[in-house]
Amino acid sequence: MSNLYLVDQPYGGNGVNLAVQDSDAVVVLIQDGVYLDVSGLSGAGRTVYAVKRDVERRGLESRVPSTVKRIGFDELVDLIEANKVVNFA
């Protein structure tokens, strides 16, 4: 079981900083969290997801790095059920 960080604004920066230090972190960018810079997470070997619908609604398809996997709500629910949730939303 990993620590699943649900990250949104305005506290998302705090979540990203903690996730870099947490070797069990899996991060999901939700809502305005898709605007955050997550390059440090990828560099630290953390798995990062973004809710596809949130990325599309904000017109960020080309700006979200390819290292961030887009997921739907079904996958989000699966991640929430399988992990311990740490909420920064």
Protein backbone atom coordinates (compact mmCIF):
# COMPACT_ATOMS: atom_id res chain seq x y z
CA MET A 1 0.00 0.00 0.00
CA SER A 2 1.36 3.39 -1.03
CA ASN A 3 0.51 6.89 0.15
CA LEU A 4 -1.80 8.42 -2.44
CA TYR A 5 -1.47 12.20 -2.53
CA LEU A 6 -4.53 13.94 -3.97
CA VAL A 7 -3.15 17.33 -4.97
CA ASP A 8 -5.11 20.48 -5.84
CA GLN A 9 -4.51 24.20 -5.40
CA PRO A 10 -3.87 26.15 -3.17
CA TYR A 11 -2.15 23.55 -0.93
CA GLY A 12 -0.79 21.44 -3.75
CA GLY A 13 2.72 22.83 -3.48
CA ASN A 14 2.90 21.49 0.07
CA GLY A 15 1.71 18.09 -1.10
CA VAL A 16 4.24 17.97 -3.93
CA ASN A 17 7.09 18.91 -1.55
CA LEU A 18 6.10 16.17 0.90
CA ALA A 19 5.64 13.60 -1.86
CA VAL A 20 9.21 14.19 -3.07
CA GLN A 21 10.41 13.10 0.38
CA ASP A 22 8.01 10.12 0.65
CA SER A 23 9.40 7.04 -1.07
CA ASP A 24 5.92 5.44 -0.99
CA ALA A 25 4.21 8.42 -2.67
CA VAL A 26 1.87 8.17 -5.62
CA VAL A 27 0.51 11.55 -6.69
CA VAL A 28 -2.75 12.39 -8.45
CA LEU A 29 -3.23 15.93 -9.74
CA ILE A 30 -6.88 16.90 -9.50
CA GLN A 31 -8.77 20.03 -10.54
CA ASP A 32 -6.39 23.04 -10.55
CA GLY A 33 -3.57 20.82 -9.29
CA VAL A 34 -2.87 20.05 -12.96
CA TYR A 35 -1.19 23.48 -13.14
CA LEU A 36 1.54 22.48 -10.67
CA ASP A 37 5.15 21.86 -11.60
CA VAL A 38 5.79 18.19 -10.85
CA SER A 39 9.21 17.86 -12.45
CA GLY A 40 10.76 17.19 -9.04
CA LEU A 41 8.43 14.24 -8.51
CA SER A 42 9.37 12.56 -11.76
CA GLY A 43 13.03 13.18 -11.02
CA ALA A 44 12.58 11.54 -7.62
CA GLY A 45 11.02 8.47 -9.23
CA ARG A 46 7.49 9.07 -7.97
CA THR A 47 4.47 7.98 -9.99
CA VAL A 48 2.34 10.95 -11.03
CA TYR A 49 -1.16 10.86 -12.48
CA ALA A 50 -3.51 13.63 -13.60
CA VAL A 51 -7.26 13.39 -14.02
CA LYS A 52 -7.68 13.52 -17.79
CA ARG A 53 -10.91 15.51 -17.66
CA ASP A 54 -9.27 18.21 -15.50
CA VAL A 55 -6.34 18.49 -17.93
CA GLU A 56 -8.67 18.77 -20.93
CA ARG A 57 -11.02 21.32 -19.34
CA ARG A 58 -8.08 23.61 -18.65
CA GLY A 59 -6.62 23.22 -22.14
CA LEU A 60 -3.35 21.80 -20.83
CA GLU A 61 -3.01 18.69 -22.97
CA SER A 62 0.28 19.89 -24.46
CA ARG A 63 1.65 21.41 -21.23
CA VAL A 64 1.34 18.47 -18.85
CA PRO A 65 4.57 16.43 -19.11
CA SER A 66 4.45 13.04 -20.83
CA THR A 67 5.72 11.47 -17.58
CA VAL A 68 2.33 12.29 -16.02
CA LYS A 69 -0.18 9.55 -16.84
CA ARG A 70 -3.72 10.74 -17.58
CA ILE A 71 -6.43 8.73 -15.82
CA GLY A 72 -10.20 8.68 -15.74
CA PHE A 73 -12.46 8.59 -12.71
CA ASP A 74 -12.58 4.78 -12.69
CA GLU A 75 -8.80 4.59 -12.31
CA LEU A 76 -8.91 7.32 -9.65
CA VAL A 77 -11.40 5.32 -7.61
CA ASP A 78 -9.22 2.20 -7.95
CA LEU A 79 -6.20 4.14 -6.67
CA ILE A 80 -8.17 5.55 -3.74
CA GLU A 81 -9.39 2.09 -2.76
CA ALA A 82 -5.93 0.52 -3.01
CA ASN A 83 -3.89 3.15 -1.14
CA LYS A 84 -3.78 5.32 1.95
CA VAL A 85 -5.07 8.77 0.95
CA VAL A 86 -3.23 11.95 1.90
CA ASN A 87 -5.41 14.86 0.82
CA PHE A 88 -4.04 18.23 -0.32
CA ALA A 89 -7.22 19.38 -2.02
